[in-house]
PDB file of N, CA and C in Angstrom:
ATOM      1  N   MET A   1     256.026 114.583 135.495  1.00  0.00           N
ATOM      2  CA  MET A   1     256.546 115.540 134.565  1.00  0.00           C
ATOM      3  C   MET A   1     255.516 116.055 133.664  1.00  0.00           C
ATOM      4  N   THR A   2     255.158 117.281 133.536  1.00  0.00           N
ATOM      5  CA  THR A   2     254.201 117.781 132.632  1.00  0.00           C
ATOM      6  C   THR A   2     254.906 117.849 131.237  1.00  0.00           C
ATOM      7  N   GLN A   3     254.013 117.424 130.203  1.00  0.00           N
ATOM      8  CA  GLN A   3     254.515 117.439 128.849  1.00  0.00           C
ATOM      9  C   GLN A   3     253.894 118.735 128.047  1.00  0.00           C
ATOM     10  N   HIS A   4     254.865 119.237 127.408  1.00  0.00           N
ATOM     11  CA  HIS A   4     254.580 120.699 126.679  1.00  0.00           C
ATOM     12  C   HIS A   4     253.570 120.287 125.558  1.00  0.00           C
ATOM     13  N   ARG A   5     252.444 121.076 125.486  1.00  0.00           N
ATOM     14  CA  ARG A   5     251.495 120.958 124.268  1.00  0.00           C
ATOM     15  C   ARG A   5     251.959 121.391 123.097  1.00  0.00           C
ATOM     16  N   LEU A   6     251.998 120.518 122.090  1.00  0.00           N
ATOM     17  CA  LEU A   6     252.484 121.008 120.828  1.00  0.00           C
ATOM     18  C   LEU A   6     251.392 121.835 119.963  1.00  0.00           C
ATOM     19  N   SER A   7     251.887 122.629 118.954  1.00  0.00           N
ATOM     20  CA  SER A   7     250.854 123.396 118.274  1.00  0.00           C
ATOM     21  C   SER A   7     250.359 122.383 117.016  1.00  0.00           C
ATOM     22  N   VAL A   8     249.054 122.747 116.662  1.00  0.00           N
ATOM     23  CA  VAL A   8     248.540 122.086 115.549  1.00  0.00           C
ATOM     24  C   VAL A   8     249.605 122.102 114.267  1.00  0.00           C
ATOM     25  N   ASP A   9     249.923 123.153 114.236  1.00  0.00           N
ATOM     26  CA  ASP A   9     250.964 123.512 113.060  1.00  0.00           C
ATOM     27  C   ASP A   9     252.010 122.721 113.105  1.00  0.00           C
ATOM     28  N   THR A  10     252.866 122.607 114.247  1.00  0.00           N
ATOM     29  CA  THR A  10     253.859 121.740 114.154  1.00  0.00           C
ATOM     30  C   THR A  10     253.511 120.079 114.107  1.00  0.00           C
ATOM     31  N   ILE A  11     252.430 119.838 114.603  1.00  0.00           N
ATOM     32  CA  ILE A  11     251.977 118.255 114.113  1.00  0.00           C
ATOM     33  C   ILE A  11     251.860 118.196 112.786  1.00  0.00           C
ATOM     34  N   ARG A  12     251.137 119.173 112.260  1.00  0.00           N
ATOM     35  CA  ARG A  12     251.056 119.122 110.627  1.00  0.00           C
ATOM     36  C   ARG A  12     252.233 119.072 110.090  1.00  0.00           C
ATOM     37  N   GLN A  13     253.314 119.870 110.434  1.00  0.00           N
ATOM     38  CA  GLN A  13     254.457 119.740 109.814  1.00  0.00           C
ATOM     39  C   GLN A  13     255.201 118.392 109.885  1.00  0.00           C
ATOM     40  N   ALA A  14     255.105 117.892 111.154  1.00  0.00           N
ATOM     41  CA  ALA A  14     255.701 116.502 111.255  1.00  0.00           C
ATOM     42  C   ALA A  14     254.983 115.474 110.262  1.00  0.00           C
ATOM     43  N   SER A  15     253.765 115.667 110.422  1.00  0.00           N
ATOM     44  CA  SER A  15     252.791 114.692 109.412  1.00  0.00           C
ATOM     45  C   SER A  15     253.405 114.794 107.952  1.00  0.00           C
ATOM     46  N   GLY A  16     253.448 116.059 107.544  1.00  0.00           N
ATOM     47  CA  GLY A  16     253.847 116.342 106.187  1.00  0.00           C
ATOM     48  C   GLY A  16     255.355 115.711 105.948  1.00  0.00           C
ATOM     49  N   TRP A  17     256.257 115.759 106.896  1.00  0.00           N
ATOM     50  CA  TRP A  17     257.541 115.213 106.734  1.00  0.00           C
ATOM     51  C   TRP A  17     257.408 113.707 106.632  1.00  0.00           C
ATOM     52  N   MET A  18     256.696 113.120 107.460  1.00  0.00           N
ATOM     53  CA  MET A  18     256.618 111.648 107.530  1.00  0.00           C
ATOM     54  C   MET A  18     256.038 111.144 106.010  1.00  0.00           C
ATOM     55  N   ALA A  19     255.090 111.847 105.726  1.00  0.00           N
ATOM     56  CA  ALA A  19     254.424 111.611 104.324  1.00  0.00           C
ATOM     57  C   ALA A  19     255.505 111.710 103.087  1.00  0.00           C
ATOM     58  N   ARG A  20     256.244 112.866 103.246  1.00  0.00           N
ATOM     59  CA  ARG A  20     257.290 113.149 102.428  1.00  0.00           C
ATOM     60  C   ARG A  20     258.376 112.128 102.424  1.00  0.00           C
ATOM     61  N   LEU A  21     258.949 111.719 103.438  1.00  0.00           N
ATOM     62  CA  LEU A  21     259.856 110.726 103.562  1.00  0.00           C
ATOM     63  C   LEU A  21     259.451 109.191 103.254  1.00  0.00           C
ATOM     64  N   TRP A  22     258.234 108.873 103.300  1.00  0.00           N
ATOM     65  CA  TRP A  22     257.640 107.801 102.781  1.00  0.00           C
ATOM     66  C   TRP A  22     257.378 107.680 101.301  1.00  0.00           C
ATOM     67  N   ALA A  23     257.569 108.952 100.601  1.00  0.00           N
ATOM     68  CA  ALA A  23     257.199 108.912  99.194  1.00  0.00           C
ATOM     69  C   ALA A  23     258.333 108.255  98.409  1.00  0.00           C
ATOM     70  N   ASP A  24     257.923 107.590  97.227  1.00  0.00           N
ATOM     71  CA  ASP A  24     258.758 106.986  96.341  1.00  0.00           C
ATOM     72  C   ASP A  24     259.799 107.997  95.773  1.00  0.00           C
ATOM     73  N   ASP A  25     259.526 109.256  95.657  1.00  0.00           N
ATOM     74  CA  ASP A  25     260.514 110.100  95.104  1.00  0.00           C
ATOM     75  C   ASP A  25     261.252 111.014  96.113  1.00  0.00           C
ATOM     76  N   VAL A  26     261.306 110.593  97.245  1.00  0.00           N
ATOM     77  CA  VAL A  26     261.944 111.487  98.328  1.00  0.00           C
ATOM     78  C   VAL A  26     263.464 111.670  97.821  1.00  0.00           C
ATOM     79  N   SER A  27     264.046 112.912  98.093  1.00  0.00           N
ATOM     80  CA  SER A  27     265.205 113.041  97.580  1.00  0.00           C
ATOM     81  C   SER A  27     266.263 113.234  98.626  1.00  0.00           C
ATOM     82  N   ASP A  28     267.516 113.318  98.485  1.00  0.00           N
ATOM     83  CA  ASP A  28     268.693 113.575  99.488  1.00  0.00           C
ATOM     84  C   ASP A  28     268.264 115.064  99.949  1.00  0.00           C
ATOM     85  N   GLU A  29     267.850 115.996  99.123  1.00  0.00           N
ATOM     86  CA  GLU A  29     267.433 117.259  99.621  1.00  0.00           C
ATOM     87  C   GLU A  29     266.396 117.316 100.532  1.00  0.00           C
ATOM     88  N   ASP A  30     265.338 116.520 100.323  1.00  0.00           N
ATOM     89  CA  ASP A  30     264.278 116.390 101.358  1.00  0.00           C
ATOM     90  C   ASP A  30     264.858 116.005 102.514  1.00  0.00           C
ATOM     91  N   ARG A  31     265.749 114.933 102.685  1.00  0.00           N
ATOM     92  CA  ARG A  31     266.183 114.445 103.906  1.00  0.00           C
ATOM     93  C   ARG A  31     266.844 115.417 104.579  1.00  0.00           C
ATOM     94  N   GLN A  32     267.803 116.216 103.878  1.00  0.00           N
ATOM     95  CA  GLN A  32     268.397 117.305 104.567  1.00  0.00           C
ATOM     96  C   GLN A  32     267.556 118.352 105.078  1.00  0.00           C
ATOM     97  N   ALA A  33     266.618 118.581 104.409  1.00  0.00           N
ATOM     98  CA  ALA A  33     265.588 119.682 104.896  1.00  0.00           C
ATOM     99  C   ALA A  33     264.842 119.178 106.070  1.00  0.00           C
ATOM    100  N   PHE A  34     264.551 117.844 106.058  1.00  0.00           N
ATOM    101  CA  PHE A  34     263.843 117.401 107.254  1.00  0.00           C
ATOM    102  C   PHE A  34     264.800 117.367 108.456  1.00  0.00           C
ATOM    103  N   HIS A  35     265.920 117.047 108.282  1.00  0.00           N
ATOM    104  CA  HIS A  35     267.011 117.124 109.363  1.00  0.00           C
ATOM    105  C   HIS A  35     267.080 118.370 109.865  1.00  0.00           C
ATOM    106  N   ALA A  36     267.100 119.420 109.105  1.00  0.00           N
ATOM    107  CA  ALA A  36     267.170 120.931 109.514  1.00  0.00           C
ATOM    108  C   ALA A  36     265.864 121.347 110.258  1.00  0.00           C
ATOM    109  N   TRP A  37     264.772 120.823 109.848  1.00  0.00           N
ATOM    110  CA  TRP A  37     263.518 121.202 110.480  1.00  0.00           C
ATOM    111  C   TRP A  37     263.530 120.544 111.787  1.00  0.00           C
ATOM    112  N   ARG A  38     264.086 119.320 112.052  1.00  0.00           N
ATOM    113  CA  ARG A  38     263.936 118.731 113.488  1.00  0.00           C
ATOM    114  C   ARG A  38     264.928 119.481 114.157  1.00  0.00           C
ATOM    115  N   LEU A  39     265.962 119.986 113.748  1.00  0.00           N
ATOM    116  CA  LEU A  39     266.993 120.769 114.367  1.00  0.00           C
ATOM    117  C   LEU A  39     266.564 122.114 114.755  1.00  0.00           C
ATOM    118  N   ASP A  40     265.677 122.662 113.988  1.00  0.00           N
ATOM    119  CA  ASP A  40     265.193 124.018 114.162  1.00  0.00           C
ATOM    120  C   ASP A  40     264.605 124.433 115.493  1.00  0.00           C
ATOM    121  N   HIS A  41     263.784 123.477 116.145  1.00  0.00           N
ATOM    122  CA  HIS A  41     263.045 124.093 117.118  1.00  0.00           C
ATOM    123  C   HIS A  41     262.739 122.642 118.143  1.00  0.00           C
ATOM    124  N   PRO A  42     263.045 122.689 119.298  1.00  0.00           N
ATOM    125  CA  PRO A  42     262.605 121.440 120.055  1.00  0.00           C
ATOM    126  C   PRO A  42     261.415 120.961 119.895  1.00  0.00           C
ATOM    127  N   ASP A  43     260.236 121.818 119.585  1.00  0.00           N
ATOM    128  CA  ASP A  43     258.960 121.262 119.383  1.00  0.00           C
ATOM    129  C   ASP A  43     259.050 120.340 118.277  1.00  0.00           C
ATOM    130  N   ASN A  44     259.615 120.784 117.245  1.00  0.00           N
ATOM    131  CA  ASN A  44     259.745 119.936 115.940  1.00  0.00           C
ATOM    132  C   ASN A  44     260.199 118.548 116.237  1.00  0.00           C
ATOM    133  N   GLU A  45     261.318 118.522 117.004  1.00  0.00           N
ATOM    134  CA  GLU A  45     261.719 117.129 117.408  1.00  0.00           C
ATOM    135  C   GLU A  45     260.536 116.173 118.310  1.00  0.00           C
ATOM    136  N   SER A  46     260.054 116.894 119.146  1.00  0.00           N
ATOM    137  CA  SER A  46     259.097 116.410 119.990  1.00  0.00           C
ATOM    138  C   SER A  46     258.079 115.841 119.287  1.00  0.00           C
ATOM    139  N   ALA A  47     257.596 116.627 118.188  1.00  0.00           N
ATOM    140  CA  ALA A  47     256.344 116.193 117.358  1.00  0.00           C
ATOM    141  C   ALA A  47     256.805 115.042 116.667  1.00  0.00           C
ATOM    142  N   TRP A  48     257.899 115.065 116.137  1.00  0.00           N
ATOM    143  CA  TRP A  48     258.411 113.910 115.190  1.00  0.00           C
ATOM    144  C   TRP A  48     258.512 112.553 116.075  1.00  0.00           C
ATOM    145  N   GLN A  49     259.117 112.706 117.333  1.00  0.00           N
ATOM    146  CA  GLN A  49     259.176 111.652 118.314  1.00  0.00           C
ATOM    147  C   GLN A  49     257.685 111.072 118.541  1.00  0.00           C
ATOM    148  N   GLN A  50     256.683 111.798 118.850  1.00  0.00           N
ATOM    149  CA  GLN A  50     255.597 111.520 119.210  1.00  0.00           C
ATOM    150  C   GLN A  50     254.761 110.784 117.856  1.00  0.00           C
ATOM    151  N   LEU A  51     254.908 111.452 116.780  1.00  0.00           N
ATOM    152  CA  LEU A  51     254.370 110.910 115.622  1.00  0.00           C
ATOM    153  C   LEU A  51     254.937 109.460 115.321  1.00  0.00           C
ATOM    154  N   THR A  52     256.199 109.143 115.461  1.00  0.00           N
ATOM    155  CA  THR A  52     257.020 108.015 115.158  1.00  0.00           C
ATOM    156  C   THR A  52     256.464 106.929 116.197  1.00  0.00           C
ATOM    157  N   GLN A  53     256.249 107.293 117.464  1.00  0.00           N
ATOM    158  CA  GLN A  53     255.689 106.364 118.617  1.00  0.00           C
ATOM    159  C   GLN A  53     254.337 105.938 117.976  1.00  0.00           C
ATOM    160  N   ILE A  54     253.485 106.859 117.583  1.00  0.00           N
ATOM    161  CA  ILE A  54     252.015 106.465 117.223  1.00  0.00           C
ATOM    162  C   ILE A  54     252.196 105.501 115.911  1.00  0.00           C
ATOM    163  N   GLN A  55     253.056 105.929 115.036  1.00  0.00           N
ATOM    164  CA  GLN A  55     253.212 105.054 113.851  1.00  0.00           C
ATOM    165  C   GLN A  55     253.719 103.606 114.141  1.00  0.00           C
ATOM    166  N   ALA A  56     254.379 103.635 115.171  1.00  0.00           N
ATOM    167  CA  ALA A  56     254.904 102.203 115.716  1.00  0.00           C
ATOM    168  C   ALA A  56     254.007 101.403 116.356  1.00  0.00           C
ATOM    169  N   GLN A  57     253.004 102.116 116.976  1.00  0.00           N
ATOM    170  CA  GLN A  57     251.987 101.256 117.474  1.00  0.00           C
ATOM    171  C   GLN A  57     251.017 100.812 116.432  1.00  0.00           C
ATOM    172  N   PHE A  58     250.722 101.595 115.383  1.00  0.00           N
ATOM    173  CA  PHE A  58     249.968 101.127 114.117  1.00  0.00           C
ATOM    174  C   PHE A  58     250.646  99.823 113.602  1.00  0.00           C
ATOM    175  N   SER A  59     252.252 100.073 113.362  1.00  0.00           N
ATOM    176  CA  SER A  59     252.879  98.993 112.670  1.00  0.00           C
ATOM    177  C   SER A  59     252.816  97.565 113.581  1.00  0.00           C
ATOM    178  N   ALA A  60     252.527  97.677 114.902  1.00  0.00           N
ATOM    179  CA  ALA A  60     252.494  96.607 115.814  1.00  0.00           C
ATOM    180  C   ALA A  60     251.226  95.835 115.690  1.00  0.00           C
ATOM    181  N   VAL A  61     250.079  96.557 114.978  1.00  0.00           N
ATOM    182  CA  VAL A  61     248.859  95.853 114.754  1.00  0.00           C
ATOM    183  C   VAL A  61     249.101  94.466 114.014  1.00  0.00           C
ATOM    184  N   PRO A  62     248.525  93.291 114.300  1.00  0.00           N
ATOM    185  CA  PRO A  62     248.831  92.059 113.536  1.00  0.00           C
ATOM    186  C   PRO A  62     248.272  92.508 112.142  1.00  0.00           C
ATOM    187  N   GLN A  63     248.861  91.884 111.175  1.00  0.00           N
ATOM    188  CA  GLN A  63     248.291  92.135 109.633  1.00  0.00           C
ATOM    189  C   GLN A  63     247.515  90.909 109.514  1.00  0.00           C
ATOM    190  N   HIS A  64     246.115  90.901 109.579  1.00  0.00           N
ATOM    191  CA  HIS A  64     245.253  89.862 109.389  1.00  0.00           C
ATOM    192  C   HIS A  64     244.744  90.112 107.894  1.00  0.00           C
ATOM    193  N   ALA A  65     244.295  88.976 107.271  1.00  0.00           N
ATOM    194  CA  ALA A  65     243.823  89.183 105.906  1.00  0.00           C
ATOM    195  C   ALA A  65     242.621  90.142 105.882  1.00  0.00           C
ATOM    196  N   ALA A  66     241.685  90.236 107.018  1.00  0.00           N
ATOM    197  CA  ALA A  66     240.718  91.088 107.058  1.00  0.00           C
ATOM    198  C   ALA A  66     241.035  92.489 106.988  1.00  0.00           C
ATOM    199  N   SER A  67     242.327  92.847 107.398  1.00  0.00           N
ATOM    200  CA  SER A  67     242.803  94.226 107.630  1.00  0.00           C
ATOM    201  C   SER A  67     242.755  94.894 106.201  1.00  0.00           C
ATOM    202  N   ARG A  68     242.896  94.146 105.075  1.00  0.00           N
ATOM    203  CA  ARG A  68     242.881  94.750 103.789  1.00  0.00           C
ATOM    204  C   ARG A  68     241.648  95.205 103.390  1.00  0.00           C
ATOM    205  N   ARG A  69     240.508  94.837 104.091  1.00  0.00           N
ATOM    206  CA  ARG A  69     239.243  95.040 103.887  1.00  0.00           C
ATOM    207  C   ARG A  69     238.690  96.160 104.582  1.00  0.00           C
ATOM    208  N   ILE A  70     239.354  96.659 105.698  1.00  0.00           N
ATOM    209  CA  ILE A  70     238.817  97.602 106.735  1.00  0.00           C
ATOM    210  C   ILE A  70     238.276  98.920 106.060  1.00  0.00           C
ATOM    211  N   LEU A  71     239.206  99.487 105.222  1.00  0.00           N
ATOM    212  CA  LEU A  71     238.937 100.668 104.484  1.00  0.00           C
ATOM    213  C   LEU A  71     238.572 100.312 103.021  1.00  0.00           C
ATOM    214  N   MET A  72     237.110 100.674 102.816  1.00  0.00           N
ATOM    215  CA  MET A  72     236.785 100.465 101.474  1.00  0.00           C
ATOM    216  C   MET A  72     235.901 101.600 100.959  1.00  0.00           C
ATOM    217  N   THR A  73     236.054 101.840  99.734  1.00  0.00           N
ATOM    218  CA  THR A  73     235.221 102.867  99.022  1.00  0.00           C
ATOM    219  C   THR A  73     233.847 102.387  98.795  1.00  0.00           C
ATOM    220  N   ARG A  74     232.937 102.950  99.010  1.00  0.00           N
ATOM    221  CA  ARG A  74     231.493 102.424  98.867  1.00  0.00           C
ATOM    222  C   ARG A  74     231.157 103.178  97.531  1.00  0.00           C
ATOM    223  N   ARG A  75     230.431 102.226  96.724  1.00  0.00           N
ATOM    224  CA  ARG A  75     229.899 102.804  95.513  1.00  0.00           C
ATOM    225  C   ARG A  75     228.786 103.760  95.649  1.00  0.00           C
ATOM    226  N   GLY A  76     228.795 104.653  94.732  1.00  0.00           N
ATOM    227  CA  GLY A  76     227.906 105.734  94.905  1.00  0.00           C
ATOM    228  C   GLY A  76     228.268 107.008  95.953  1.00  0.00           C
ATOM    229  N   THR A  77     229.372 106.954  96.504  1.00  0.00           N
ATOM    230  CA  THR A  77     230.012 108.053  97.379  1.00  0.00           C
ATOM    231  C   THR A  77     230.930 108.674  96.452  1.00  0.00           C
ATOM    232  N   SER A  78     231.130 109.980  97.000  1.00  0.00           N
ATOM    233  CA  SER A  78     232.135 110.882  96.250  1.00  0.00           C
ATOM    234  C   SER A  78     233.564 110.255  96.465  1.00  0.00           C
ATOM    235  N   ARG A  79     234.354 110.706  95.680  1.00  0.00           N
ATOM    236  CA  ARG A  79     235.765 110.062  95.854  1.00  0.00           C
ATOM    237  C   ARG A  79     236.472 110.685  97.132  1.00  0.00           C
ATOM    238  N   HIS A  80     235.887 111.754  97.815  1.00  0.00           N
ATOM    239  CA  HIS A  80     236.510 112.175  99.077  1.00  0.00           C
ATOM    240  C   HIS A  80     235.831 111.514 100.250  1.00  0.00           C
ATOM    241  N   ARG A  81     234.718 110.863 100.143  1.00  0.00           N
ATOM    242  CA  ARG A  81     234.091 110.054 101.315  1.00  0.00           C
ATOM    243  C   ARG A  81     234.517 108.772 101.011  1.00  0.00           C
ATOM    244  N   GLN A  82     234.860 108.100 102.268  1.00  0.00           N
ATOM    245  CA  GLN A  82     235.080 106.610 102.241  1.00  0.00           C
ATOM    246  C   GLN A  82     234.302 106.003 103.580  1.00  0.00           C
ATOM    247  N   SER A  83     233.882 104.831 103.569  1.00  0.00           N
ATOM    248  CA  SER A  83     233.310 104.274 104.683  1.00  0.00           C
ATOM    249  C   SER A  83     234.165 103.302 105.269  1.00  0.00           C
ATOM    250  N   ILE A  84     234.154 103.132 106.409  1.00  0.00           N
ATOM    251  CA  ILE A  84     234.798 102.118 107.270  1.00  0.00           C
ATOM    252  C   ILE A  84     234.108 101.128 107.688  1.00  0.00           C
ATOM    253  N   THR A  85     234.466  99.804 107.166  1.00  0.00           N
ATOM    254  CA  THR A  85     233.867  98.641 107.372  1.00  0.00           C
ATOM    255  C   THR A  85     234.645  97.772 108.501  1.00  0.00           C
ATOM    256  N   LEU A  86     233.981  97.621 109.764  1.00  0.00           N
ATOM    257  CA  LEU A  86     234.628  96.983 110.679  1.00  0.00           C
ATOM    258  C   LEU A  86     234.510  95.271 110.483  1.00  0.00           C
ATOM    259  N   VAL A  87     235.406  94.599 110.497  1.00  0.00           N
ATOM    260  CA  VAL A  87     235.521  93.400 110.231  1.00  0.00           C
ATOM    261  C   VAL A  87     235.922  92.759 111.670  1.00  0.00           C
ATOM    262  N   PRO A  88     234.916  91.931 112.209  1.00  0.00           N
ATOM    263  CA  PRO A  88     235.411  91.114 113.472  1.00  0.00           C
ATOM    264  C   PRO A  88     236.600  90.258 113.311  1.00  0.00           C
ATOM    265  N   TRP A  89     237.452  90.174 114.280  1.00  0.00           N
ATOM    266  CA  TRP A  89     238.701  89.302 114.358  1.00  0.00           C
ATOM    267  C   TRP A  89     238.039  87.785 114.522  1.00  0.00           C
ATOM    268  N   PRO A  90     238.728  86.850 113.765  1.00  0.00           N
ATOM    269  CA  PRO A  90     238.093  85.390 113.924  1.00  0.00           C
ATOM    270  C   PRO A  90     237.960  84.917 115.346  1.00  0.00           C
ATOM    271  N   ASP A  91     238.750  85.238 116.283  1.00  0.00           N
ATOM    272  CA  ASP A  91     238.855  84.739 117.738  1.00  0.00           C
ATOM    273  C   ASP A  91     237.721  85.311 118.444  1.00  0.00           C
ATOM    274  N   SER A  92     237.028  86.552 117.890  1.00  0.00           N
ATOM    275  CA  SER A  92     235.932  87.142 118.747  1.00  0.00           C
ATOM    276  C   SER A  92     234.667  86.913 118.078  1.00  0.00           C
ATOM    277  N   VAL A  93     234.566  86.132 116.961  1.00  0.00           N
ATOM    278  CA  VAL A  93     233.374  85.707 116.368  1.00  0.00           C
ATOM    279  C   VAL A  93     232.730  84.477 117.317  1.00  0.00           C
ATOM    280  N   SER A  94     231.501  84.581 117.409  1.00  0.00           N
ATOM    281  CA  SER A  94     230.732  83.590 118.296  1.00  0.00           C
ATOM    282  C   SER A  94     230.494  82.217 117.347  1.00  0.00           C
TER     283      SER A  94
END
């Protein structure tokens, strides 16, 4: 079965909805608009399903103490640039 390729715009919309729904100030109106967006076009629902699958994969990653240190802002960099520090897992250290 060939999967239909989603537009970048649809993927961005789904990402925006995920961020909005995770916000502390999400409203019932936001939830209703999100539900309407999902029903508006089959691609919207497909993008949402794919995004939630990806998010579930990230959620399945073990929460190790080192994971809090993976993304760190380096001194001297602009507020828009961040460096990624890779920390080895304990069982992979020699």
